[in-house]
């Protein structure tokens, strides 16, 4: 038996490094039982990241995970979003409706994911007012992230979760796969050998896609444009690179640890009163 403590985990570079240290430390271990301690704070949308990591370090069932010494506020929110249901805890009712349920989905569950995005994310009253066209296109952009992971990442499962933080006017939504990551995906499909940082930058350019013989590449670009107008934030983590776009400022940093997979995390500002319009020339068939 061994133990690991996660303390004060936020949706930032330091938080991801702490989570990936857990992965790096135990990804090849045979320890039978890992006692996980969680203290101070845990941004609940990062349940998607933690779920992917814990699945990897269980090594196909050779190891088990137990949650010990979990702060009461953390335990409560992780029971509300159903994350701890996967580890023997009951789900409790979310009175204030701040959580977006944690899901672990098979890659064949794309229709279920589409309904989940529409009903649990885009239909929330906290989201800024948007035109029907924007609503539709943002939904398609997020759905295509699922499809892209399904087609190219070689992942078995896709993990997703969200959380509304009323005091900060932030609605966070995170999608994770534990596949081959951006750089390996680009090299395998297109023959480009890129660092993790350059692979993410390449993927964020309008028109770039790993699909072959089709137009596309505007899915992430469209989402990026929406978040820029909304003054929100988008983070992409893959390999050993951390990319963040916030208030027109792009930050790309090196992670301390390598993560075998990809994470896309979005923060929507809920105090934005602008109504968004979308150019008619953007066709849904072009996304990605």
Protein backbone atom coordinates (compact mmCIF):
# COMPACT_ATOMS: atom_id res chain seq x y z
CA UNK A 1 0.00 0.00 0.00
CA UNK A 2 1.19 3.52 -0.82
CA UNK A 3 -0.27 7.01 -0.51
CA UNK A 4 -0.20 10.29 -2.41
CA UNK A 5 -1.47 13.74 -1.44
CA UNK A 6 -3.09 16.20 -3.83
CA UNK A 7 -3.32 19.62 -2.22
CA UNK A 8 -4.67 22.92 -3.54
CA UNK A 9 -5.32 21.90 -7.16
CA UNK A 10 -6.43 24.72 -9.44
CA UNK A 11 -7.00 25.00 -13.17
CA UNK A 12 -3.48 26.33 -13.85
CA UNK A 13 0.07 25.21 -14.64
CA UNK A 14 0.85 24.38 -11.01
CA UNK A 15 -2.32 22.32 -10.66
CA UNK A 16 -1.60 20.30 -13.78
CA UNK A 17 1.99 19.69 -12.70
CA UNK A 18 0.75 18.31 -9.37
CA UNK A 19 -1.69 15.98 -11.15
CA UNK A 20 0.93 14.81 -13.64
CA UNK A 21 3.40 14.19 -10.81
CA UNK A 22 0.88 11.67 -9.48
CA UNK A 23 0.76 10.07 -12.94
CA UNK A 24 4.54 10.11 -13.43
CA UNK A 25 5.20 8.70 -9.96
CA UNK A 26 2.82 5.76 -10.18
CA UNK A 27 2.17 5.02 -13.88
CA UNK A 28 4.35 1.89 -13.86
CA UNK A 29 3.93 0.85 -10.23
CA UNK A 30 2.41 -2.33 -8.92
CA UNK A 31 1.33 -1.13 -5.49
CA UNK A 32 -1.98 -3.00 -4.99
CA UNK A 33 -3.68 -0.05 -3.26
CA UNK A 34 -3.07 3.68 -3.60
CA UNK A 35 -4.53 5.80 -0.82
CA UNK A 36 -5.25 9.21 -2.30
CA UNK A 37 -5.48 12.21 0.03
CA UNK A 38 -7.09 15.45 -1.16
CA UNK A 39 -6.82 18.62 0.89
CA UNK A 40 -7.42 22.40 0.74
CA UNK A 41 -8.97 22.80 -2.73
CA UNK A 42 -9.72 20.92 -5.96
CA UNK A 43 -11.27 22.56 -9.05
CA UNK A 44 -14.04 20.07 -9.75
CA UNK A 45 -13.81 20.22 -13.57
CA UNK A 46 -10.36 18.64 -13.15
CA UNK A 47 -12.16 15.44 -12.16
CA UNK A 48 -11.87 14.63 -15.87
CA UNK A 49 -8.07 14.82 -15.65
CA UNK A 50 -7.88 12.91 -12.38
CA UNK A 51 -10.19 10.20 -13.70
CA UNK A 52 -7.99 9.63 -16.75
CA UNK A 53 -4.85 9.52 -14.61
CA UNK A 54 -6.29 7.10 -12.06
CA UNK A 55 -7.47 4.77 -14.81
CA UNK A 56 -3.96 4.68 -16.24
CA UNK A 57 -2.22 3.99 -12.95
CA UNK A 58 -4.57 1.18 -11.97
CA UNK A 59 -2.72 -0.80 -14.68
CA UNK A 60 -5.72 -2.75 -16.00
CA UNK A 61 -7.03 -3.55 -12.53
CA UNK A 62 -3.76 -4.66 -10.93
CA UNK A 63 -3.97 -1.70 -8.55
CA UNK A 64 -6.89 -0.17 -6.68
CA UNK A 65 -7.59 3.40 -5.61
CA UNK A 66 -8.97 4.43 -2.23
CA UNK A 67 -9.82 7.99 -1.23
CA UNK A 68 -8.58 8.75 2.28
CA UNK A 69 -8.37 12.03 4.20
CA UNK A 70 -10.47 13.97 1.71
CA UNK A 71 -11.42 17.47 2.87
CA UNK A 72 -15.16 17.69 3.49
CA UNK A 73 -15.72 20.46 0.91
CA UNK A 74 -13.81 18.49 -1.74
CA UNK A 75 -15.64 15.26 -0.96
CA UNK A 76 -19.01 17.01 -1.15
CA UNK A 77 -18.41 18.54 -4.60
CA UNK A 78 -16.96 15.29 -5.97
CA UNK A 79 -20.04 13.44 -4.75
CA UNK A 80 -22.28 16.06 -6.33
CA UNK A 81 -20.65 15.68 -9.76
CA UNK A 82 -20.70 11.85 -9.47
CA UNK A 83 -16.90 11.46 -9.70
CA UNK A 84 -16.62 9.61 -6.39
CA UNK A 85 -19.44 7.31 -7.43
CA UNK A 86 -16.75 5.43 -9.40
CA UNK A 87 -14.87 4.80 -6.15
CA UNK A 88 -17.64 3.56 -3.88
CA UNK A 89 -19.26 6.81 -2.72
CA UNK A 90 -22.90 7.79 -3.10
CA UNK A 91 -23.81 10.68 -5.39
CA UNK A 92 -25.52 13.52 -3.53
CA UNK A 93 -27.96 16.10 -4.87
CA UNK A 94 -26.47 19.34 -6.18
CA UNK A 95 -28.81 21.87 -4.58
CA UNK A 96 -27.21 24.91 -6.22
CA UNK A 97 -26.68 23.27 -9.64
CA UNK A 98 -23.03 24.33 -9.91
CA UNK A 99 -21.68 21.02 -11.19
CA UNK A 100 -21.59 19.52 -14.67
CA UNK A 101 -21.57 15.76 -14.21
CA UNK A 102 -18.33 13.79 -14.54
CA UNK A 103 -18.54 11.26 -17.34
CA UNK A 104 -16.24 8.49 -18.50
CA UNK A 105 -17.34 7.66 -22.03
CA UNK A 106 -16.44 5.06 -24.60
CA UNK A 107 -15.44 6.47 -27.98
CA UNK A 108 -18.66 4.98 -29.38
CA UNK A 109 -20.74 7.26 -27.13
CA UNK A 110 -20.56 10.35 -29.36
CA UNK A 111 -24.35 10.80 -29.54
CA UNK A 112 -24.60 10.63 -25.76
CA UNK A 113 -21.77 13.17 -25.48
CA UNK A 114 -23.56 15.48 -27.90
CA UNK A 115 -26.73 15.39 -25.77
CA UNK A 116 -24.66 15.94 -22.63
CA UNK A 117 -22.97 19.05 -24.09
CA UNK A 118 -26.31 20.48 -25.17
CA UNK A 119 -28.28 19.72 -22.01
CA UNK A 120 -25.64 20.05 -19.30
CA UNK A 121 -23.41 22.81 -20.71
CA UNK A 122 -24.88 24.94 -23.51
CA UNK A 123 -28.40 25.10 -22.07
CA UNK A 124 -27.23 26.48 -18.74
CA UNK A 125 -28.71 29.87 -17.88
CA UNK A 126 -25.33 31.11 -16.66
CA UNK A 127 -23.79 31.08 -20.14
CA UNK A 128 -23.71 34.44 -21.95
CA UNK A 129 -26.48 35.21 -24.37
CA UNK A 130 -25.67 33.99 -27.88
CA UNK A 131 -27.43 33.69 -31.19
CA UNK A 132 -28.85 30.36 -32.28
CA UNK A 133 -26.10 30.13 -34.91
CA UNK A 134 -23.35 30.58 -32.30
CA UNK A 135 -25.05 28.11 -29.96
CA UNK A 136 -25.10 25.53 -32.75
CA UNK A 137 -21.53 26.15 -33.92
CA UNK A 138 -20.03 26.08 -30.43
CA UNK A 139 -21.82 22.79 -29.80
CA UNK A 140 -20.44 21.39 -33.04
CA UNK A 141 -16.93 22.60 -32.19
CA UNK A 142 -16.97 20.86 -28.80
CA UNK A 143 -18.54 17.73 -30.28
CA UNK A 144 -15.80 17.57 -32.93
CA UNK A 145 -13.18 17.46 -30.16
CA UNK A 146 -14.80 14.21 -29.07
CA UNK A 147 -14.86 12.91 -32.65
CA UNK A 148 -11.25 13.95 -33.24
CA UNK A 149 -10.15 12.10 -30.10
CA UNK A 150 -12.16 9.08 -31.20
CA UNK A 151 -10.61 8.99 -34.67
CA UNK A 152 -7.02 10.02 -34.04
CA UNK A 153 -5.98 9.76 -30.40
CA UNK A 154 -6.11 5.96 -30.04
CA UNK A 155 -7.78 6.41 -26.65
CA UNK A 156 -10.15 3.88 -25.12
CA UNK A 157 -12.14 6.38 -23.07
CA UNK A 158 -12.89 10.08 -23.07
CA UNK A 159 -13.41 11.92 -19.79
CA UNK A 160 -15.33 15.13 -19.26
CA UNK A 161 -16.56 17.31 -16.42
CA UNK A 162 -17.47 20.92 -15.63
CA UNK A 163 -17.98 23.31 -12.76
CA UNK A 164 -19.62 26.71 -12.28
CA UNK A 165 -17.87 29.13 -9.92
CA UNK A 166 -20.45 31.86 -9.20
CA UNK A 167 -18.10 34.13 -7.24
CA UNK A 168 -15.64 34.26 -10.14
CA UNK A 169 -18.29 34.26 -12.88
CA UNK A 170 -16.50 31.27 -14.43
CA UNK A 171 -17.99 28.18 -16.04
CA UNK A 172 -15.26 25.58 -16.63
CA UNK A 173 -15.59 22.60 -18.95
CA UNK A 174 -12.85 20.02 -19.55
CA UNK A 175 -12.41 17.16 -22.03
CA UNK A 176 -9.62 14.60 -21.65
CA UNK A 177 -8.35 11.63 -23.61
CA UNK A 178 -5.48 9.34 -22.63
CA UNK A 179 -4.31 8.60 -26.17
CA UNK A 180 -1.17 9.49 -28.10
CA UNK A 181 -1.35 13.29 -27.84
CA UNK A 182 -1.12 16.11 -30.38
CA UNK A 183 2.49 15.71 -31.52
CA UNK A 184 2.33 11.96 -32.12
CA UNK A 185 -1.05 12.35 -33.84
CA UNK A 186 0.33 14.95 -36.28
CA UNK A 187 3.47 12.92 -36.97
CA UNK A 188 1.49 9.73 -37.55
CA UNK A 189 -1.09 11.30 -39.85
CA UNK A 190 0.91 13.98 -41.63
CA UNK A 191 4.55 13.07 -41.16
CA UNK A 192 5.45 16.30 -39.32
CA UNK A 193 7.86 15.87 -36.42
CA UNK A 194 6.96 18.61 -33.94
CA UNK A 195 7.58 19.28 -30.27
CA UNK A 196 4.53 19.22 -28.00
CA UNK A 197 4.54 23.03 -27.92
CA UNK A 198 4.73 23.38 -31.69
CA UNK A 199 2.09 20.69 -32.20
CA UNK A 200 -0.43 22.61 -30.08
CA UNK A 201 0.40 25.89 -31.84
CA UNK A 202 -0.08 24.15 -35.19
CA UNK A 203 -3.46 22.76 -34.14
CA UNK A 204 -4.68 26.20 -33.06
CA UNK A 205 -4.19 27.69 -36.54
CA UNK A 206 -7.31 28.14 -38.65
CA UNK A 207 -7.39 25.53 -41.43
CA UNK A 208 -5.04 23.01 -39.85
CA UNK A 209 -6.39 19.49 -39.45
CA UNK A 210 -5.09 15.95 -39.10
CA UNK A 211 -7.93 14.67 -41.26
CA UNK A 212 -6.78 13.82 -44.75
CA UNK A 213 -8.31 14.88 -48.07
CA UNK A 214 -10.96 17.08 -46.39
CA UNK A 215 -11.24 20.75 -45.58
CA UNK A 216 -11.37 21.76 -41.95
CA UNK A 217 -9.42 22.97 -38.98
CA UNK A 218 -11.76 25.73 -37.82
CA UNK A 219 -13.24 23.94 -34.82
CA UNK A 220 -10.61 25.04 -32.31
CA UNK A 221 -10.21 28.34 -34.17
CA UNK A 222 -13.93 29.06 -33.83
CA UNK A 223 -13.92 28.18 -30.15
CA UNK A 224 -10.84 30.36 -29.69
CA UNK A 225 -12.63 33.31 -31.32
CA UNK A 226 -15.70 32.87 -29.12
CA UNK A 227 -13.60 32.73 -25.97
CA UNK A 228 -11.63 35.81 -27.03
CA UNK A 229 -14.87 37.78 -27.40
CA UNK A 230 -16.17 36.35 -24.14
CA UNK A 231 -12.88 37.22 -22.34
CA UNK A 232 -12.73 33.64 -21.13
CA UNK A 233 -9.88 31.16 -21.36
CA UNK A 234 -8.87 28.03 -23.23
CA UNK A 235 -6.13 25.65 -22.13
CA UNK A 236 -4.64 22.80 -24.12
CA UNK A 237 -2.29 20.32 -22.49
CA UNK A 238 -0.58 17.54 -24.37
CA UNK A 239 2.75 15.78 -23.98
CA UNK A 240 4.92 18.13 -21.96
CA UNK A 241 3.32 21.39 -23.12
CA UNK A 242 0.81 23.74 -21.50
CA UNK A 243 -0.95 26.26 -23.77
CA UNK A 244 -3.25 28.96 -22.46
CA UNK A 245 -5.13 31.71 -24.27
CA UNK A 246 -6.56 34.31 -21.89
CA UNK A 247 -7.57 37.90 -22.75
CA UNK A 248 -5.72 37.74 -26.11
CA UNK A 249 -2.51 36.68 -24.34
CA UNK A 250 -1.05 33.32 -25.36
CA UNK A 251 1.18 31.53 -22.87
CA UNK A 252 3.02 28.32 -23.76
CA UNK A 253 4.99 26.67 -20.99
CA UNK A 254 6.87 23.47 -20.39
CA UNK A 255 5.35 20.98 -17.98
CA UNK A 256 7.56 19.23 -15.46
CA UNK A 257 6.07 15.88 -16.47
CA UNK A 258 4.89 14.22 -19.69
CA UNK A 259 1.21 13.40 -20.04
CA UNK A 260 0.28 10.69 -22.54
CA UNK A 261 -2.89 12.23 -23.90
CA UNK A 262 -4.64 15.54 -24.49
CA UNK A 263 -6.67 17.94 -22.36
CA UNK A 264 -8.84 20.79 -23.60
CA UNK A 265 -10.20 22.98 -20.84
CA UNK A 266 -12.48 25.97 -21.46
CA UNK A 267 -13.50 28.79 -19.15
CA UNK A 268 -16.55 30.82 -20.14
CA UNK A 269 -17.17 34.15 -18.41
CA UNK A 270 -20.78 34.16 -17.23
CA UNK A 271 -20.99 37.92 -16.54
CA UNK A 272 -20.58 38.74 -20.23
CA UNK A 273 -23.76 40.35 -21.57
CA UNK A 274 -22.72 40.54 -25.24
CA UNK A 275 -24.87 38.67 -27.76
CA UNK A 276 -22.59 36.82 -30.18
CA UNK A 277 -23.20 36.57 -33.88
CA UNK A 278 -21.50 34.15 -36.22
CA UNK A 279 -20.48 34.77 -39.81
CA UNK A 280 -22.77 32.98 -42.26
CA UNK A 281 -19.84 31.82 -44.35
CA UNK A 282 -18.70 29.38 -41.64
CA UNK A 283 -20.25 26.04 -42.48
CA UNK A 284 -20.64 23.27 -39.94
CA UNK A 285 -19.32 20.76 -42.47
CA UNK A 286 -15.95 22.56 -42.40
CA UNK A 287 -15.33 22.21 -38.68
CA UNK A 288 -12.13 20.21 -38.10
